[in-house]
Structures are given as structure tokens and as C-alpha cells.
Amino acid sequence: MLALTYSENVGGGDVSYASGALVASGFDLDTAVYISVECDAPSRFDDPLTVDAPRRGWWGDAYDADGVELGSRLWELERAPATDTTAAEAAKRTKEALAWLVQDKHVRAVDVRAEIVDADVYVYPTLTLLDGRTVHPGPFKVTGYG
């Protein structure tokens, strides 16, 4: 598995290198979180989108035998105002996107805090590992792309 990390230079995800070589060993929790949060999950049929708006999503979901959809629905909030309501919804959707890590027993628990910073909403996941330690991948910017 290749490792993805947040890069200030790219303004998003970038493939990680170590000693000039691609990082490609083992299950990388940061990469799993990054993909889960930053990839677009399809909107739900009850989401408040216009009738002609695309549902988005990842084409690879069509091949998942268990029907699991990759990604988050944070993309629907990209142009939302930075309000407490938007922040709460962003936290909820981030936790939803990371729930599979608990279900598949990669982590014990997922908690997400959302915060308004400089008129944008950011989410800050906290993962409780199986051994009780906590890690804090992110933050991830949600709004301010309109």
C-alpha cells in the first residue's frame, strides 16, 4: 500500500517517499484515514441536492462485494457557510466515513471535533488504537472551496 500524507506544497494529498523510495509496506492508518475523509462518497438519495446534481462517489465501490462505499460526504459541505450547524454536520460525516476502522477492528474508537478557523470549518479526528493510545490525523479543511 502506498502512503498518502497531507502536503502544504500540493494543498492536499501526496504520495510519501522515504529515502528516495515510495513508502509501500503494511497497513498505513494515516493513508486509510486520508482516503476515507478526502475521497467523495456518493450522496444519499435523501441528501438536499438538486435533482440534476451528480451523486459523485468512487467507481471502485461497484466492485466491493460487501457494498461498502469509500469516502466521505464532506464534499457536499464545501460551499456551506462556516456555522456551528455546518461544523456539527462535518464532524458527523467525518465520523461516519471513519466508522469502518472500528467495524474492521483497526481501531477501538473514532471521535471527531469540528472547529471554525478563519471562517472555514476544519475537522480533527481522534482515533483510539487497540492498545489504548490515541492518534490525531488531520486536520482536514471542509468549507471554503466556493
Protein backbone atom coordinates (compact mmCIF):
# COMPACT_ATOMS: atom_id res chain seq x y z
CA MET A 1 0.00 0.00 0.00
CA LEU A 2 1.31 3.45 -0.83
CA ALA A 3 1.27 6.04 1.94
CA LEU A 4 -0.57 9.30 1.39
CA THR A 5 0.07 12.33 3.54
CA TYR A 6 -1.09 15.92 3.59
CA SER A 7 1.29 18.22 1.74
CA GLU A 8 1.31 22.00 2.17
CA ASN A 9 3.07 22.30 -1.22
CA VAL A 10 0.37 20.36 -3.05
CA GLY A 11 -2.52 21.64 -0.93
CA GLY A 12 -3.82 18.10 -0.48
CA GLY A 13 -2.71 14.51 -0.56
CA ASP A 14 0.66 13.46 -1.87
CA VAL A 15 2.43 10.11 -2.17
CA SER A 16 5.02 9.67 0.58
CA TYR A 17 8.67 8.94 -0.07
CA ALA A 18 11.24 7.64 2.41
CA SER A 19 14.93 7.71 1.46
CA GLY A 20 14.03 8.35 -2.16
CA ALA A 21 11.69 5.35 -2.43
CA LEU A 22 7.92 5.09 -2.27
CA VAL A 23 6.60 4.01 1.12
CA ALA A 24 4.76 0.79 0.39
CA SER A 25 4.68 -1.53 3.38
CA GLY A 26 1.90 -2.68 5.67
CA PHE A 27 -1.42 -1.15 6.66
CA ASP A 28 -0.95 2.58 6.94
CA LEU A 29 -3.55 4.12 9.25
CA ASP A 30 -2.87 7.69 8.13
CA THR A 31 -3.41 6.70 4.50
CA ALA A 32 -6.64 4.88 5.37
CA VAL A 33 -7.92 7.96 7.21
CA TYR A 34 -6.85 10.31 4.42
CA ILE A 35 -8.62 8.25 1.74
CA SER A 36 -11.71 7.82 3.90
CA VAL A 37 -12.05 11.54 4.59
CA GLU A 38 -10.83 13.09 1.33
CA CYS A 39 -12.42 10.79 -1.27
CA ASP A 40 -16.01 11.52 -2.25
CA ALA A 41 -18.63 9.05 -1.10
CA PRO A 42 -21.82 9.18 -3.14
CA SER A 43 -24.56 11.40 -1.79
CA ARG A 44 -27.57 9.73 -0.27
CA PHE A 45 -30.88 9.91 -2.06
CA ASP A 46 -32.26 11.94 0.86
CA ASP A 47 -29.40 14.47 0.81
CA PRO A 48 -30.50 18.01 -0.05
CA LEU A 49 -29.05 18.09 -3.56
CA THR A 50 -30.80 19.31 -6.68
CA VAL A 51 -32.38 16.63 -8.82
CA ASP A 52 -29.83 17.05 -11.60
CA ALA A 53 -26.75 17.16 -9.32
CA PRO A 54 -24.30 14.27 -9.66
CA ARG A 55 -24.13 11.86 -6.72
CA ARG A 56 -20.35 11.53 -7.14
CA GLY A 57 -18.54 8.66 -5.43
CA TRP A 58 -15.74 6.31 -6.37
CA TRP A 59 -16.08 3.89 -9.28
CA GLY A 60 -14.27 1.15 -7.33
CA ASP A 61 -17.26 0.87 -4.98
CA ALA A 62 -19.05 -1.05 -7.73
CA TYR A 63 -16.58 -3.91 -7.19
CA ASP A 64 -16.90 -4.15 -3.39
CA ALA A 65 -18.66 -7.45 -2.66
CA ASP A 66 -19.90 -6.15 0.71
CA GLY A 67 -21.37 -2.96 -0.76
CA VAL A 68 -19.09 -0.72 1.31
CA GLU A 69 -18.73 2.78 -0.11
CA LEU A 70 -15.38 4.53 0.23
CA GLY A 71 -15.01 8.16 1.24
CA SER A 72 -16.99 10.85 2.95
CA ARG A 73 -19.87 13.13 2.08
CA LEU A 74 -17.92 16.19 3.19
CA TRP A 75 -17.84 17.40 -0.43
CA GLU A 76 -21.49 18.41 -0.04
CA LEU A 77 -20.41 20.94 2.61
CA GLU A 78 -17.57 22.58 0.64
CA ARG A 79 -19.61 25.69 -0.16
CA ALA A 80 -21.63 25.77 3.07
CA PRO A 81 -21.21 28.73 5.42
CA ALA A 82 -18.88 28.21 8.38
CA THR A 83 -21.55 27.92 11.07
CA ASP A 84 -21.94 25.77 14.16
CA THR A 85 -24.54 23.72 12.24
CA THR A 86 -22.11 23.08 9.38
CA ALA A 87 -19.34 22.19 11.85
CA ALA A 88 -21.58 19.69 13.63
CA GLU A 89 -22.60 18.11 10.32
CA ALA A 90 -18.94 17.94 9.21
CA ALA A 91 -17.99 16.14 12.43
CA LYS A 92 -20.88 13.69 11.98
CA ARG A 93 -19.96 12.95 8.35
CA THR A 94 -16.27 12.50 9.19
CA LYS A 95 -17.10 10.03 11.96
CA GLU A 96 -19.39 8.21 9.52
CA ALA A 97 -16.55 7.97 6.95
CA LEU A 98 -14.16 6.52 9.55
CA ALA A 99 -16.61 4.08 11.17
CA TRP A 100 -15.26 1.19 9.10
CA LEU A 101 -11.97 1.40 11.03
CA VAL A 102 -13.86 0.43 14.19
CA GLN A 103 -16.05 -2.15 12.44
CA ASP A 104 -12.98 -3.85 10.93
CA LYS A 105 -11.18 -3.69 14.29
CA HIS A 106 -8.28 -1.50 13.15
CA VAL A 107 -9.03 0.98 15.97
CA ARG A 108 -11.08 0.87 19.15
CA ALA A 109 -12.93 4.18 18.69
CA VAL A 110 -13.23 7.27 16.50
CA ASP A 111 -14.07 10.72 17.78
CA VAL A 112 -14.22 13.88 15.70
CA ARG A 113 -14.07 17.51 16.77
CA ALA A 114 -15.01 20.29 14.35
CA GLU A 115 -13.88 23.86 14.67
CA ILE A 116 -14.34 27.14 12.80
CA VAL A 117 -10.94 28.66 11.99
CA ASP A 118 -10.63 31.86 9.94
CA ALA A 119 -14.18 31.49 8.53
CA ASP A 120 -13.66 27.85 7.48
CA VAL A 121 -14.68 24.57 9.10
CA TYR A 122 -11.98 22.04 9.94
CA VAL A 123 -12.41 18.54 11.37
CA TYR A 124 -9.96 16.94 13.79
CA PRO A 125 -10.30 13.15 14.09
CA THR A 126 -9.02 11.31 17.15
CA LEU A 127 -8.53 7.56 16.83
CA THR A 128 -8.18 5.33 19.87
CA LEU A 129 -5.91 2.47 18.89
CA LEU A 130 -6.46 -1.10 20.07
CA ASP A 131 -3.75 -0.65 22.71
CA GLY A 132 -5.46 2.47 24.11
CA ARG A 133 -3.11 5.07 22.64
CA THR A 134 -4.64 7.92 20.64
CA VAL A 135 -3.56 9.40 17.32
CA HIS A 136 -4.72 12.61 15.70
CA PRO A 137 -4.59 12.54 11.88
CA GLY A 138 -5.53 15.76 10.16
CA PRO A 139 -6.85 18.40 10.42
CA PHE A 140 -8.99 18.37 7.30
CA LYS A 141 -10.46 21.53 5.80
CA VAL A 142 -14.15 21.15 4.94
CA THR A 143 -15.51 24.53 3.79
CA GLY A 144 -14.17 27.47 1.83
CA TYR A 145 -13.93 25.99 -1.65
CA GLY A 146 -16.75 28.01 -3.27
